[in-house]
C-alpha atoms as a PDB file:
ATOM      1  CA  MET A   1     -28.458  47.941  11.509  1.00  0.00           C
ATOM      2  CA  GLU A   2     -27.128  45.948  14.456  1.00  0.00           C
ATOM      3  CA  SER A   3     -28.772  42.656  15.295  1.00  0.00           C
ATOM      4  CA  GLU A   4     -30.513  42.579  18.695  1.00  0.00           C
ATOM      5  CA  PRO A   5     -30.498  39.529  20.987  1.00  0.00           C
ATOM      6  CA  MET A   6     -33.806  37.909  21.851  1.00  0.00           C
ATOM      7  CA  TYR A   7     -34.413  35.555  24.783  1.00  0.00           C
ATOM      8  CA  LEU A   8     -37.114  32.958  25.299  1.00  0.00           C
ATOM      9  CA  ARG A   9     -38.193  34.754  28.470  1.00  0.00           C
ATOM     10  CA  TYR A  10     -39.450  37.591  26.248  1.00  0.00           C
ATOM     11  CA  PHE A  11     -42.226  35.219  25.155  1.00  0.00           C
ATOM     12  CA  THR A  12     -42.852  32.936  28.118  1.00  0.00           C
ATOM     13  CA  SER A  13     -42.107  33.086  31.843  1.00  0.00           C
ATOM     14  CA  ASP A  14     -42.308  29.304  32.211  1.00  0.00           C
ATOM     15  CA  ARG A  15     -38.712  28.216  32.881  1.00  0.00           C
ATOM     16  CA  ILE A  16     -39.629  24.518  33.171  1.00  0.00           C
ATOM     17  CA  PHE A  17     -41.437  24.298  29.832  1.00  0.00           C
ATOM     18  CA  PRO A  18     -39.229  26.132  27.266  1.00  0.00           C
ATOM     19  CA  PHE A  19     -41.801  26.406  24.502  1.00  0.00           C
ATOM     20  CA  PHE A  20     -43.930  29.098  22.832  1.00  0.00           C
ATOM     21  CA  ILE A  21     -46.127  29.268  19.738  1.00  0.00           C
ATOM     22  CA  GLN A  22     -47.770  32.246  18.061  1.00  0.00           C
ATOM     23  CA  TYR A  23     -49.283  33.416  14.784  1.00  0.00           C
ATOM     24  CA  GLY A  24     -48.037  36.637  13.221  1.00  0.00           C
ATOM     25  CA  HIS A  25     -49.343  38.996  10.532  1.00  0.00           C
ATOM     26  CA  HIS A  26     -46.973  41.536   8.969  1.00  0.00           C
ATOM     27  CA  ASN A  27     -47.222  44.273   6.378  1.00  0.00           C
ATOM     28  CA  ASP A  28     -44.043  46.039   7.400  1.00  0.00           C
ATOM     29  CA  ASN A  29     -40.387  45.402   8.095  1.00  0.00           C
ATOM     30  CA  HIS A  30     -39.258  43.244  11.006  1.00  0.00           C
ATOM     31  CA  LYS A  31     -36.223  44.262  13.035  1.00  0.00           C
ATOM     32  CA  LYS A  32     -33.006  42.288  12.692  1.00  0.00           C
ATOM     33  CA  HIS A  33     -32.426  39.987  15.656  1.00  0.00           C
ATOM     34  CA  TYR A  34     -30.839  36.729  16.751  1.00  0.00           C
ATOM     35  CA  HIS A  35     -31.800  34.148  19.335  1.00  0.00           C
ATOM     36  CA  ALA A  36     -29.580  34.023  22.396  1.00  0.00           C
ATOM     37  CA  ASP A  37     -30.981  30.890  24.039  1.00  0.00           C
ATOM     38  CA  PHE A  38     -33.573  29.218  21.812  1.00  0.00           C
ATOM     39  CA  TYR A  39     -34.377  27.925  18.331  1.00  0.00           C
ATOM     40  CA  GLU A  40     -37.225  29.132  16.144  1.00  0.00           C
ATOM     41  CA  LEU A  41     -39.283  27.116  13.706  1.00  0.00           C
ATOM     42  CA  MET A  42     -40.917  29.529  11.254  1.00  0.00           C
ATOM     43  CA  ILE A  43     -43.662  28.395   8.869  1.00  0.00           C
ATOM     44  CA  VAL A  44     -44.951  30.773   6.198  1.00  0.00           C
ATOM     45  CA  LEU A  45     -48.748  30.438   5.946  1.00  0.00           C
ATOM     46  CA  ASP A  46     -49.515  33.121   3.359  1.00  0.00           C
ATOM     47  CA  GLY A  47     -48.169  36.279   1.737  1.00  0.00           C
ATOM     48  CA  THR A  48     -44.616  37.133   0.730  1.00  0.00           C
ATOM     49  CA  ALA A  49     -41.558  38.962   2.045  1.00  0.00           C
ATOM     50  CA  LYS A  50     -37.850  39.409   1.459  1.00  0.00           C
ATOM     51  CA  GLN A  51     -36.040  37.656   4.278  1.00  0.00           C
ATOM     52  CA  GLN A  52     -32.401  38.089   5.192  1.00  0.00           C
ATOM     53  CA  VAL A  53     -30.559  35.348   7.086  1.00  0.00           C
ATOM     54  CA  ASN A  54     -27.117  36.600   8.080  1.00  0.00           C
ATOM     55  CA  HIS A  55     -26.132  38.184   4.733  1.00  0.00           C
ATOM     56  CA  GLN A  56     -28.184  35.934   2.469  1.00  0.00           C
ATOM     57  CA  THR A  57     -31.522  37.115   1.025  1.00  0.00           C
ATOM     58  CA  TYR A  58     -34.507  34.865   0.281  1.00  0.00           C
ATOM     59  CA  TYR A  59     -37.934  35.648  -1.122  1.00  0.00           C
ATOM     60  CA  ILE A  60     -40.277  33.683   1.099  1.00  0.00           C
ATOM     61  CA  LYS A  61     -43.798  32.528   0.376  1.00  0.00           C
ATOM     62  CA  ARG A  62     -46.532  30.146   1.498  1.00  0.00           C
ATOM     63  CA  GLY A  63     -45.191  26.735   2.491  1.00  0.00           C
ATOM     64  CA  ASP A  64     -41.599  27.768   3.263  1.00  0.00           C
ATOM     65  CA  VAL A  65     -40.193  26.417   6.540  1.00  0.00           C
ATOM     66  CA  PHE A  66     -37.055  27.675   8.302  1.00  0.00           C
ATOM     67  CA  VAL A  67     -35.280  26.520  11.451  1.00  0.00           C
ATOM     68  CA  PHE A  68     -33.168  29.285  13.007  1.00  0.00           C
ATOM     69  CA  GLY A  69     -30.582  28.245  15.570  1.00  0.00           C
ATOM     70  CA  GLU A  70     -28.912  30.344  18.232  1.00  0.00           C
ATOM     71  CA  GLY A  71     -26.810  33.261  17.036  1.00  0.00           C
ATOM     72  CA  VAL A  72     -28.288  33.400  13.515  1.00  0.00           C
ATOM     73  CA  SER A  73     -29.221  36.955  12.566  1.00  0.00           C
ATOM     74  CA  HIS A  74     -32.401  37.336  10.529  1.00  0.00           C
ATOM     75  CA  ASP A  75     -35.153  39.789   9.605  1.00  0.00           C
ATOM     76  CA  PHE A  76     -37.541  40.490   6.750  1.00  0.00           C
ATOM     77  CA  GLU A  77     -38.741  43.488   4.773  1.00  0.00           C
ATOM     78  CA  ASP A  78     -41.214  44.316   2.005  1.00  0.00           C
ATOM     79  CA  ALA A  79     -43.778  42.075   3.705  1.00  0.00           C
ATOM     80  CA  GLN A  80     -46.972  41.747   1.708  1.00  0.00           C
ATOM     81  CA  ASP A  81     -49.808  40.388   3.868  1.00  0.00           C
ATOM     82  CA  LEU A  82     -47.348  37.952   5.427  1.00  0.00           C
ATOM     83  CA  HIS A  83     -48.893  35.347   7.745  1.00  0.00           C
ATOM     84  CA  ILE A  84     -46.486  33.141   9.691  1.00  0.00           C
ATOM     85  CA  CYS A  85     -46.405  30.745  12.611  1.00  0.00           C
ATOM     86  CA  ASN A  86     -43.444  31.000  14.995  1.00  0.00           C
ATOM     87  CA  ILE A  87     -42.576  28.164  17.356  1.00  0.00           C
ATOM     88  CA  MET A  88     -39.856  28.985  19.869  1.00  0.00           C
ATOM     89  CA  PHE A  89     -38.205  26.118  21.719  1.00  0.00           C
ATOM     90  CA  GLN A  90     -34.991  25.002  23.329  1.00  0.00           C
ATOM     91  CA  PRO A  91     -33.431  21.977  21.601  1.00  0.00           C
ATOM     92  CA  SER A  92     -33.531  19.993  24.839  1.00  0.00           C
ATOM     93  CA  ALA A  93     -37.320  19.866  24.378  1.00  0.00           C
ATOM     94  CA  LEU A  94     -36.702  17.475  21.482  1.00  0.00           C
ATOM     95  CA  LEU A  95     -34.162  15.259  23.153  1.00  0.00           C
ATOM     96  CA  ASP A  96     -36.305  12.725  24.947  1.00  0.00           C
ATOM     97  CA  ARG A  97     -34.125   9.648  25.402  1.00  0.00           C
ATOM     98  CA  TYR A  98     -36.673   7.297  23.855  1.00  0.00           C
ATOM     99  CA  HIS A  99     -37.330   9.204  20.650  1.00  0.00           C
ATOM    100  CA  ASP A 100     -36.166   7.816  17.316  1.00  0.00           C
ATOM    101  CA  LEU A 101     -36.007  11.102  15.437  1.00  0.00           C
ATOM    102  CA  GLY A 102     -32.304  10.487  14.948  1.00  0.00           C
ATOM    103  CA  GLU A 103     -33.133   7.699  12.508  1.00  0.00           C
ATOM    104  CA  ILE A 104     -34.525  10.294  10.061  1.00  0.00           C
ATOM    105  CA  PRO A 105     -31.802  11.936   7.918  1.00  0.00           C
ATOM    106  CA  GLY A 106     -34.010  14.999   7.393  1.00  0.00           C
ATOM    107  CA  TYR A 107     -34.123  15.598  11.149  1.00  0.00           C
ATOM    108  CA  HIS A 108     -30.338  15.797  11.385  1.00  0.00           C
ATOM    109  CA  ASP A 109     -30.054  18.143   8.429  1.00  0.00           C
ATOM    110  CA  LEU A 110     -33.065  20.419   9.042  1.00  0.00           C
ATOM    111  CA  PHE A 111     -32.924  20.683  12.838  1.00  0.00           C
ATOM    112  CA  ILE A 112     -29.236  20.139  13.697  1.00  0.00           C
ATOM    113  CA  ILE A 113     -26.733  20.532  10.855  1.00  0.00           C
ATOM    114  CA  GLU A 114     -28.218  23.422   8.843  1.00  0.00           C
ATOM    115  CA  PRO A 115     -29.002  25.613  11.916  1.00  0.00           C
ATOM    116  CA  TYR A 116     -25.421  25.119  13.071  1.00  0.00           C
ATOM    117  CA  LEU A 117     -23.816  25.782   9.685  1.00  0.00           C
ATOM    118  CA  SER A 118     -25.894  28.919   9.185  1.00  0.00           C
ATOM    119  CA  GLN A 119     -24.126  30.534  12.160  1.00  0.00           C
ATOM    120  CA  ASN A 120     -20.963  30.879  10.099  1.00  0.00           C
ATOM    121  CA  ASP A 121     -22.088  30.210   6.555  1.00  0.00           C
ATOM    122  CA  LYS A 122     -24.926  30.797   4.150  1.00  0.00           C
ATOM    123  CA  TYR A 123     -28.289  29.363   5.075  1.00  0.00           C
ATOM    124  CA  GLN A 124     -28.104  26.808   2.302  1.00  0.00           C
ATOM    125  CA  HIS A 125     -31.391  24.932   2.325  1.00  0.00           C
ATOM    126  CA  TYR A 126     -34.829  25.160   3.859  1.00  0.00           C
ATOM    127  CA  LEU A 127     -38.014  23.159   3.472  1.00  0.00           C
ATOM    128  CA  LYS A 128     -40.561  23.942   0.779  1.00  0.00           C
ATOM    129  CA  LEU A 129     -43.811  22.140   1.561  1.00  0.00           C
ATOM    130  CA  GLN A 130     -45.933  20.550  -1.145  1.00  0.00           C
ATOM    131  CA  PHE A 131     -49.684  21.329  -1.145  1.00  0.00           C
ATOM    132  CA  ASP A 132     -50.750  18.192   0.734  1.00  0.00           C
ATOM    133  CA  GLN A 133     -47.848  18.551   3.168  1.00  0.00           C
ATOM    134  CA  PHE A 134     -48.825  22.164   3.842  1.00  0.00           C
ATOM    135  CA  ASP A 135     -52.379  21.115   4.777  1.00  0.00           C
ATOM    136  CA  GLU A 136     -51.034  18.498   7.205  1.00  0.00           C
ATOM    137  CA  VAL A 137     -48.652  20.975   8.833  1.00  0.00           C
ATOM    138  CA  THR A 138     -51.213  23.779   9.207  1.00  0.00           C
ATOM    139  CA  GLU A 139     -53.623  21.387  10.931  1.00  0.00           C
ATOM    140  CA  LEU A 140     -50.931  20.294  13.391  1.00  0.00           C
ATOM    141  CA  ILE A 141     -49.931  23.848  14.276  1.00  0.00           C
ATOM    142  CA  ARG A 142     -53.604  24.831  14.617  1.00  0.00           C
ATOM    143  CA  LYS A 143     -54.033  22.109  17.231  1.00  0.00           C
ATOM    144  CA  MET A 144     -50.795  23.157  18.954  1.00  0.00           C
ATOM    145  CA  HIS A 145     -51.808  26.819  19.076  1.00  0.00           C
ATOM    146  CA  GLU A 146     -55.222  25.940  20.485  1.00  0.00           C
ATOM    147  CA  GLU A 147     -53.717  23.620  23.097  1.00  0.00           C
ATOM    148  CA  TYR A 148     -51.048  26.134  24.102  1.00  0.00           C
ATOM    149  CA  HIS A 149     -53.570  28.844  24.883  1.00  0.00           C
ATOM    150  CA  ALA A 150     -56.066  26.549  26.629  1.00  0.00           C
ATOM    151  CA  SER A 151     -55.897  25.575  30.296  1.00  0.00           C
ATOM    152  CA  ARG A 152     -56.822  21.934  29.967  1.00  0.00           C
ATOM    153  CA  PRO A 153     -55.180  19.285  32.169  1.00  0.00           C
ATOM    154  CA  GLY A 154     -52.295  17.529  30.424  1.00  0.00           C
ATOM    155  CA  ARG A 155     -51.649  20.596  28.249  1.00  0.00           C
ATOM    156  CA  LYS A 156     -47.855  20.240  28.214  1.00  0.00           C
ATOM    157  CA  SER A 157     -47.926  16.521  27.426  1.00  0.00           C
ATOM    158  CA  MET A 158     -50.347  17.116  24.554  1.00  0.00           C
ATOM    159  CA  LEU A 159     -48.196  19.957  23.202  1.00  0.00           C
ATOM    160  CA  MET A 160     -45.037  17.881  23.271  1.00  0.00           C
ATOM    161  CA  ALA A 161     -46.823  14.999  21.553  1.00  0.00           C
ATOM    162  CA  LEU A 162     -48.045  17.334  18.804  1.00  0.00           C
ATOM    163  CA  PHE A 163     -44.630  19.006  18.556  1.00  0.00           C
ATOM    164  CA  GLN A 164     -42.913  15.634  18.154  1.00  0.00           C
ATOM    165  CA  MET A 165     -45.432  14.795  15.418  1.00  0.00           C
ATOM    166  CA  LEU A 166     -44.724  18.087  13.676  1.00  0.00           C
ATOM    167  CA  VAL A 167     -40.935  17.735  13.861  1.00  0.00           C
ATOM    168  CA  THR A 168     -41.107  14.132  12.659  1.00  0.00           C
ATOM    169  CA  TYR A 169     -43.384  15.033   9.753  1.00  0.00           C
ATOM    170  CA  LEU A 170     -41.235  18.018   8.713  1.00  0.00           C
ATOM    171  CA  SER A 171     -38.104  15.867   8.912  1.00  0.00           C
ATOM    172  CA  ARG A 172     -39.657  13.282   6.623  1.00  0.00           C
ATOM    173  CA  CYS A 173     -40.798  15.980   4.191  1.00  0.00           C
ATOM    174  CA  TYR A 174     -37.311  17.464   4.146  1.00  0.00           C
ATOM    175  CA  GLY A 175     -35.798  14.058   3.403  1.00  0.00           C
ATOM    176  CA  GLU A 176     -38.190  13.622   0.474  1.00  0.00           C
ATOM    177  CA  GLN A 177     -37.307  17.077  -0.831  1.00  0.00           C
ATOM    178  CA  GLU A 178     -33.566  16.496  -0.622  1.00  0.00           C
ATOM    179  CA  SER A 179     -33.852  13.069  -2.268  1.00  0.00           C
ATOM    180  CA  ARG A 180     -35.030  14.896  -5.376  1.00  0.00           C
ATOM    181  CA  GLU A 181     -31.837  17.001  -5.291  1.00  0.00           C
ATOM    182  CA  PRO A 182     -29.097  14.513  -4.307  1.00  0.00           C
ATOM    183  CA  GLY A 183     -25.516  15.481  -3.590  1.00  0.00           C
ATOM    184  CA  LYS A 184     -25.936  18.141  -0.892  1.00  0.00           C
ATOM    185  CA  ALA A 185     -23.002  17.737   1.529  1.00  0.00           C
ATOM    186  CA  SER A 186     -24.850  18.322   4.818  1.00  0.00           C
ATOM    187  CA  MET A 187     -27.607  15.884   3.812  1.00  0.00           C
ATOM    188  CA  GLN A 188     -25.024  13.236   2.962  1.00  0.00           C
ATOM    189  CA  ILE A 189     -23.543  13.611   6.448  1.00  0.00           C
ATOM    190  CA  ALA A 190     -27.060  13.464   7.910  1.00  0.00           C
ATOM    191  CA  LEU A 191     -27.607  10.171   6.072  1.00  0.00           C
ATOM    192  CA  SER A 192     -24.490   8.659   7.633  1.00  0.00           C
ATOM    193  CA  VAL A 193     -25.484   9.803  11.145  1.00  0.00           C
ATOM    194  CA  SER A 194     -29.001   8.396  10.760  1.00  0.00           C
ATOM    195  CA  CYS A 195     -27.395   5.137   9.590  1.00  0.00           C
ATOM    196  CA  MET A 196     -25.456   5.044  12.865  1.00  0.00           C
ATOM    197  CA  GLU A 197     -28.685   5.665  14.801  1.00  0.00           C
ATOM    198  CA  GLN A 198     -30.479   2.826  13.042  1.00  0.00           C
ATOM    199  CA  ASN A 199     -27.548   0.397  13.300  1.00  0.00           C
ATOM    200  CA  PHE A 200     -25.887   1.439  16.547  1.00  0.00           C
ATOM    201  CA  ARG A 201     -24.892  -2.162  17.354  1.00  0.00           C
ATOM    202  CA  ASP A 202     -22.592  -2.243  14.316  1.00  0.00           C
ATOM    203  CA  GLU A 203     -19.059  -0.935  14.116  1.00  0.00           C
ATOM    204  CA  PHE A 204     -18.352   2.061  11.885  1.00  0.00           C
ATOM    205  CA  THR A 205     -14.969   3.422  10.895  1.00  0.00           C
ATOM    206  CA  VAL A 206     -14.446   7.076  10.024  1.00  0.00           C
ATOM    207  CA  GLU A 207     -13.461   5.908   6.541  1.00  0.00           C
ATOM    208  CA  GLN A 208     -16.831   4.149   6.092  1.00  0.00           C
ATOM    209  CA  LEU A 209     -18.822   7.141   7.378  1.00  0.00           C
ATOM    210  CA  ALA A 210     -16.897   9.558   5.178  1.00  0.00           C
ATOM    211  CA  GLU A 211     -17.485   7.332   2.138  1.00  0.00           C
ATOM    212  CA  MET A 212     -21.217   7.268   2.912  1.00  0.00           C
ATOM    213  CA  SER A 213     -21.144  11.079   3.072  1.00  0.00           C
ATOM    214  CA  TYR A 214     -19.088  11.500  -0.134  1.00  0.00           C
ATOM    215  CA  VAL A 215     -16.590  13.724   1.683  1.00  0.00           C
ATOM    216  CA  SER A 216     -13.021  13.290   2.869  1.00  0.00           C
ATOM    217  CA  GLU A 217     -12.324  11.775   6.287  1.00  0.00           C
ATOM    218  CA  ARG A 218     -10.873  15.077   7.447  1.00  0.00           C
ATOM    219  CA  HIS A 219     -13.945  17.051   6.345  1.00  0.00           C
ATOM    220  CA  PHE A 220     -16.330  14.525   7.891  1.00  0.00           C
ATOM    221  CA  LEU A 221     -14.544  14.520  11.254  1.00  0.00           C
ATOM    222  CA  ARG A 222     -14.318  18.304  11.374  1.00  0.00           C
ATOM    223  CA  GLN A 223     -17.970  18.907  10.540  1.00  0.00           C
ATOM    224  CA  PHE A 224     -19.218  16.077  12.740  1.00  0.00           C
ATOM    225  CA  SER A 225     -17.298  17.314  15.785  1.00  0.00           C
ATOM    226  CA  GLU A 226     -18.362  20.921  15.184  1.00  0.00           C
ATOM    227  CA  VAL A 227     -22.068  20.051  14.912  1.00  0.00           C
ATOM    228  CA  TYR A 228     -22.400  17.223  17.460  1.00  0.00           C
ATOM    229  CA  HIS A 229     -19.592  18.291  19.829  1.00  0.00           C
ATOM    230  CA  THR A 230     -18.204  14.764  20.028  1.00  0.00           C
ATOM    231  CA  THR A 231     -16.488  12.140  17.883  1.00  0.00           C
ATOM    232  CA  PRO A 232     -18.333   9.501  15.814  1.00  0.00           C
ATOM    233  CA  HIS A 233     -17.064   6.776  18.182  1.00  0.00           C
ATOM    234  CA  GLN A 234     -18.300   8.617  21.272  1.00  0.00           C
ATOM    235  CA  TYR A 235     -21.630   9.299  19.546  1.00  0.00           C
ATOM    236  CA  LEU A 236     -22.025   5.587  18.853  1.00  0.00           C
ATOM    237  CA  MET A 237     -21.142   4.750  22.473  1.00  0.00           C
ATOM    238  CA  ARG A 238     -23.821   7.188  23.679  1.00  0.00           C
ATOM    239  CA  LEU A 239     -26.441   5.500  21.497  1.00  0.00           C
ATOM    240  CA  ARG A 240     -25.489   2.088  22.883  1.00  0.00           C
ATOM    241  CA  LEU A 241     -25.497   3.304  26.477  1.00  0.00           C
ATOM    242  CA  GLU A 242     -28.881   4.971  26.108  1.00  0.00           C
ATOM    243  CA  HIS A 243     -30.305   1.741  24.705  1.00  0.00           C
ATOM    244  CA  ALA A 244     -28.754  -0.192  27.594  1.00  0.00           C
ATOM    245  CA  ARG A 245     -30.220   2.213  30.154  1.00  0.00           C
ATOM    246  CA  GLY A 246     -33.699   1.661  28.736  1.00  0.00           C
ATOM    247  CA  LEU A 247     -33.285  -2.109  29.060  1.00  0.00           C
ATOM    248  CA  LEU A 248     -31.881  -1.843  32.589  1.00  0.00           C
ATOM    249  CA  GLU A 249     -34.807   0.312  33.716  1.00  0.00           C
ATOM    250  CA  ASN A 250     -37.277  -2.325  32.523  1.00  0.00           C
ATOM    251  CA  GLU A 251     -36.501  -5.102  34.999  1.00  0.00           C
ATOM    252  CA  LYS A 252     -39.488  -7.144  33.796  1.00  0.00           C
ATOM    253  CA  ASN A 253     -37.865  -7.871  30.437  1.00  0.00           C
ATOM    254  CA  GLY A 254     -35.994 -10.794  32.043  1.00  0.00           C
ATOM    255  CA  LEU A 255     -32.666  -9.865  30.450  1.00  0.00           C
ATOM    256  CA  SER A 256     -29.399 -10.468  32.273  1.00  0.00           C
ATOM    257  CA  ILE A 257     -26.634  -7.859  32.300  1.00  0.00           C
ATOM    258  CA  ALA A 258     -24.757  -9.959  29.737  1.00  0.00           C
ATOM    259  CA  ASP A 259     -27.872 -10.097  27.515  1.00  0.00           C
ATOM    260  CA  ILE A 260     -28.242  -6.313  27.748  1.00  0.00           C
ATOM    261  CA  ALA A 261     -24.578  -5.782  26.912  1.00  0.00           C
ATOM    262  CA  TYR A 262     -24.900  -7.930  23.780  1.00  0.00           C
ATOM    263  CA  ASP A 263     -28.237  -6.377  22.743  1.00  0.00           C
ATOM    264  CA  SER A 264     -26.690  -2.916  23.064  1.00  0.00           C
ATOM    265  CA  GLY A 265     -23.757  -3.678  20.789  1.00  0.00           C
ATOM    266  CA  PHE A 266     -21.077  -4.525  23.374  1.00  0.00           C
ATOM    267  CA  GLN A 267     -19.279  -7.794  22.652  1.00  0.00           C
ATOM    268  CA  SER A 268     -17.814  -7.996  26.166  1.00  0.00           C
ATOM    269  CA  ASN A 269     -19.766  -7.778  29.417  1.00  0.00           C
ATOM    270  CA  SER A 270     -16.713  -6.474  31.267  1.00  0.00           C
ATOM    271  CA  TYR A 271     -16.128  -3.741  28.667  1.00  0.00           C
ATOM    272  CA  PHE A 272     -19.801  -2.761  28.862  1.00  0.00           C
ATOM    273  CA  SER A 273     -19.553  -2.449  32.655  1.00  0.00           C
ATOM    274  CA  ARG A 274     -16.411  -0.296  32.437  1.00  0.00           C
ATOM    275  CA  VAL A 275     -17.903   2.057  29.847  1.00  0.00           C
ATOM    276  CA  PHE A 276     -21.222   2.277  31.708  1.00  0.00           C
ATOM    277  CA  ARG A 277     -19.533   3.053  35.034  1.00  0.00           C
ATOM    278  CA  ARG A 278     -17.350   5.702  33.427  1.00  0.00           C
ATOM    279  CA  ALA A 279     -20.452   7.361  31.958  1.00  0.00           C
ATOM    280  CA  TYR A 280     -22.886   7.113  34.885  1.00  0.00           C
ATOM    281  CA  GLY A 281     -20.758   6.585  37.994  1.00  0.00           C
ATOM    282  CA  MET A 282     -22.158   3.117  38.776  1.00  0.00           C
ATOM    283  CA  THR A 283     -22.149  -0.378  37.335  1.00  0.00           C
ATOM    284  CA  PRO A 284     -25.081  -1.662  35.262  1.00  0.00           C
ATOM    285  CA  MET A 285     -26.179  -3.859  38.183  1.00  0.00           C
ATOM    286  CA  GLU A 286     -26.047  -0.929  40.609  1.00  0.00           C
ATOM    287  CA  TYR A 287     -28.018   1.184  38.132  1.00  0.00           C
ATOM    288  CA  ARG A 288     -30.713  -1.503  37.803  1.00  0.00           C
ATOM    289  CA  LYS A 289     -31.026  -1.840  41.570  1.00  0.00           C
ATOM    290  CA  ASP A 290     -31.156   1.929  41.994  1.00  0.00           C
ATOM    291  CA  LYS A 291     -33.972   2.272  39.442  1.00  0.00           C
ATOM    292  CA  SER A 292     -35.949  -0.662  40.825  1.00  0.00           C
ATOM    293  CA  SER A 293     -36.029   1.004  44.259  1.00  0.00           C
ATOM    294  CA  TRP A 294     -37.941   4.024  42.897  1.00  0.00           C
END
C-alpha cells in the first residue's frame, strides 16, 4: 500500500497558529501516511496495536510516546480498543528564542535527532512512560485539549505554555530512560549538543565533541550537519548571537556593547561586531537603537 501525504491544513485552517490536538479511538486498521509539513507527537493512552514506522514494526501499548517527523511513513493495524492523543505541530512552534529546551539532551534526541534519522533508517527508540510519568502527561494533555477547544481569551498563549511544559517534561523523561540504557549513539550526540547549549561561551573542537559522543570525528560531523543543517562552529555562533540579541534588547541592564560581547562568549568586541553585522545586517549598536525605538 502506498503511503499518502497528510498536511496540517487537513486538521486546522489557522495558518498563523500551526497546532492541533485530538483524541482518537481505534478498533481497526489505520491507513499508511506521512506528514508533508508537520510533526506529530503521539501518546498511547490505552489499548494495543501493531504499528509500522517505515518498515519497522512495533507493538504499542499504554504509555508509549512517538515523535514522527516529516516524510516518515507510519500506520497501525490489529488495534484493540486503542486510545491515543495526537498533537500536530510545526517545529517552529517550539523554537522560541528564549527557551532553554536545548539544554536537555532528551529534547535533542526525542524531538530532533530521532525524527530525522527515522526518515532514512529504523525508528530506533521511543519513550516508554513510567506510571507516575504517565499520570503527569495525561493531565497536561487533558488541559491542552480542553484549552484548544474552548474560546477563552489568551487561548493560544495558554496552549503554548502547556505545550512547552509537555515537551520539557517528555524530554526529561526520555533522558532518564536513556540513562538506564547508556551507549546509544544518537543520545551521545544529543548530550554533546546540550553541553554546547549550556556552555555556549566556551570553545569546543570537533575532536572534543566527537569524544563526548563516543563516535569518530567524521561520523559526528556528518550526523550533526545532516540533523542541524549547519556546522558545530556555526551552531555555537548562533547560540552566542541569540544570547547577545536578548541582552541588546534589554537596554535597562546597563551593559555596554563590550560587556555584552564578553558575556556572550566573544573575546573581541570588534569580532563580535563583525559577526553580528554579518548575521543581522547591522551593528550591535544599531540593533540596540533600532529596538529601543519600538
